[in-house]
Protein backbone atom coordinates (compact mmCIF):
# COMPACT_ATOMS: atom_id res chain seq x y z
CA MET A 1 99.57 82.53 68.06
CA TYR A 2 97.08 81.30 65.82
CA ARG A 3 93.47 79.98 66.76
CA ASP A 4 93.99 77.06 67.14
CA GLU A 5 96.65 75.85 69.32
CA VAL A 6 94.80 79.07 72.06
CA PRO A 7 95.36 77.22 75.60
CA GLN A 8 92.47 74.72 76.44
CA ASP A 9 94.01 74.04 79.87
CA GLY A 10 90.47 74.07 81.84
CA ALA A 11 91.03 73.43 85.42
CA ILE A 12 90.56 77.25 87.85
CA LEU A 13 88.28 78.80 85.42
CA GLU A 14 85.57 76.09 85.75
CA GLN A 15 82.75 77.30 83.39
CA TRP A 16 85.18 81.02 82.46
CA HIS A 17 86.88 81.99 79.55
CA GLU A 18 89.86 83.94 79.57
CA ILE A 19 90.36 85.83 76.00
CA ALA A 20 92.87 85.72 74.40
CA TYR A 21 94.47 87.16 71.02
CA ALA A 22 95.46 84.92 68.18
CA VAL A 23 95.87 85.32 64.27
CA ASP A 24 92.87 83.12 62.50
CA GLU A 25 92.70 81.68 58.72
CA GLU A 26 93.14 84.93 57.09
CA GLY A 27 96.39 86.53 59.45
CA ASN A 28 93.47 88.61 60.99
CA TYR A 29 94.08 89.23 64.74
CA VAL A 30 90.74 87.75 66.25
CA LEU A 31 89.51 87.40 70.50
CA VAL A 32 89.56 83.82 70.76
CA PRO A 33 87.98 82.11 74.23
CA SER A 34 90.55 80.08 76.60
CA ALA A 35 89.64 78.02 79.14
CA GLY A 36 93.21 78.92 80.86
CA TRP A 37 96.74 77.44 80.50
CA GLU A 38 98.55 75.13 82.13
CA PRO A 39 101.41 77.97 84.17
CA SER A 40 98.14 80.91 84.50
CA ASN A 41 96.78 77.92 86.40
CA LEU A 42 99.16 77.08 88.51
CA VAL A 43 100.25 81.30 89.63
CA ASN A 44 96.24 81.92 90.67
CA VAL A 45 96.71 79.22 92.84
CA GLN A 46 99.87 79.83 94.09
CA ALA A 47 97.61 83.56 94.56
CA TRP A 48 95.08 82.00 96.05
CA GLU A 49 97.00 79.70 98.27
CA LEU A 50 99.04 82.89 99.82
CA ILE A 51 95.24 84.93 100.25
CA ALA A 52 94.32 81.98 101.82
CA ALA A 53 96.79 82.17 104.04
CA GLN A 54 97.07 85.97 104.82
CA VAL A 55 93.13 85.85 106.08
CA SER A 56 93.52 82.51 107.77
CA ARG A 57 95.95 84.75 109.76
CA ALA A 58 93.98 86.82 110.16
CA LEU A 59 90.89 84.91 111.92
CA GLU A 60 93.63 83.48 114.49
CA GLN A 61 94.55 86.96 115.82
CA ILE A 62 90.91 87.69 115.98
CA HIS A 63 90.38 84.99 117.96
CA ARG A 64 92.83 85.45 119.94
CA GLY A 65 91.70 88.54 121.15
CA GLU A 66 95.18 90.37 119.03
CA ALA A 67 92.79 92.09 116.52
CA SER A 68 89.68 93.16 115.21
CA PRO A 69 87.24 91.63 112.44
CA LEU A 70 89.08 94.75 110.77
CA LEU A 71 91.72 92.79 109.69
CA TYR A 72 89.65 89.85 107.81
CA HIS A 73 87.69 92.01 105.88
CA MET A 74 91.14 94.11 105.36
CA GLU A 75 92.43 90.71 104.17
CA ARG A 76 89.14 89.61 102.34
CA ASN A 77 88.75 92.37 100.27
CA GLN A 78 93.06 92.24 99.52
CA MET A 79 93.71 95.18 100.73
CA ASP A 80 95.77 97.49 103.01
CA VAL A 81 95.65 99.27 105.36
CA GLY A 82 96.61 102.57 103.73
CA LEU A 83 94.16 102.06 101.59
CA LEU A 84 91.38 101.27 103.15
CA ALA A 85 91.87 104.18 105.28
CA ARG A 86 91.14 106.35 101.32
CA TYR A 87 88.65 104.71 101.11
CA VAL A 88 86.95 105.91 104.79
CA GLY A 89 88.06 108.68 104.78
CA MET A 90 90.53 108.82 107.01
CA SER A 91 94.14 108.98 108.17
CA ARG A 92 95.71 105.33 108.19
CA TRP A 93 97.19 105.94 112.18
CA ARG A 94 92.95 105.96 112.84
CA VAL A 95 92.21 102.79 110.25
CA LYS A 96 95.58 101.21 112.45
CA ARG A 97 94.24 101.05 115.63
CA HIS A 98 90.03 100.25 114.34
CA LEU A 99 92.22 97.03 114.25
CA LYS A 100 93.49 96.74 117.67
CA PRO A 101 90.48 94.72 119.63
CA ARG A 102 89.14 98.04 122.26
CA PRO A 103 89.27 101.01 120.11
CA TYR A 104 86.97 98.85 117.62
CA ALA A 105 84.22 97.86 120.40
CA ALA A 106 83.62 100.92 120.84
CA LEU A 107 83.05 103.19 117.00
CA LYS A 108 80.07 104.60 116.74
CA PRO A 109 77.39 103.73 114.72
CA GLU A 110 78.05 106.20 111.42
CA VAL A 111 82.14 104.93 111.62
CA ARG A 112 81.12 100.84 111.17
CA ALA A 113 78.85 102.57 108.44
CA ARG A 114 81.14 103.80 106.64
CA TYR A 115 83.95 100.88 107.12
CA ALA A 116 80.31 98.14 105.84
CA ASP A 117 80.06 100.52 102.83
CA VAL A 118 83.30 100.34 102.28
CA PHE A 119 83.22 95.86 102.11
CA ARG A 120 79.78 96.43 100.79
CA ILE A 121 77.86 94.51 103.60
CA PRO A 122 75.14 95.78 105.97
CA PRO A 123 76.91 97.10 110.04
CA HIS A 124 75.78 94.91 111.69
CA LYS A 125 77.60 92.10 109.42
CA LEU A 126 81.03 93.17 109.87
CA GLU A 127 81.51 90.83 113.62
CA GLU A 128 79.81 87.97 111.67
CA LEU A 129 83.64 85.79 110.98
CA PRO A 130 84.24 82.75 109.22
CA ALA A 131 85.13 79.40 112.21
CA ARG A 132 87.09 78.82 108.33
CA VAL A 133 88.42 80.57 105.19
CA GLU A 134 86.99 78.97 102.34
CA TRP A 135 86.88 80.55 97.99
CA PRO A 136 85.49 80.26 95.60
CA VAL A 137 88.10 78.04 94.08
CA GLU A 138 89.36 74.72 96.02
CA THR A 139 93.55 74.45 94.50
CA GLU A 140 94.43 71.39 95.91
CA ARG A 141 91.78 69.53 93.57
CA LYS A 142 92.91 71.92 90.35
CA LEU A 143 96.02 70.82 90.00
CA LYS A 144 95.86 67.19 90.00
């Protein structure tokens, strides 16, 4: 693709740009900023919607008393049990157990601090959950 053919469809990236390789007037490859491309914007919006749905389900489970706040943070950071276990240095079964409300409530402060470090928040913020999921990308308005 030539430099003047690099897509500039905008939408999801807003003020940011992705970098694309293009050919300049002399036939050399150059890096060119792109505001976005309609097909990639559609895929990104769909991915954000899927992540938002997963996080919303986690919040619902927590509010119903079926899961601990760790589930919200794990889903929001797009982690699974195995990945979170590796980051906190615990076995998978132990992390899975901490996703239940009762075992989570009995966690020692040191263990809570390990989880908080992984999520890059202070330990007391583990229990602070939003009323609803908010994302930096408002998907409904981006593709219209």
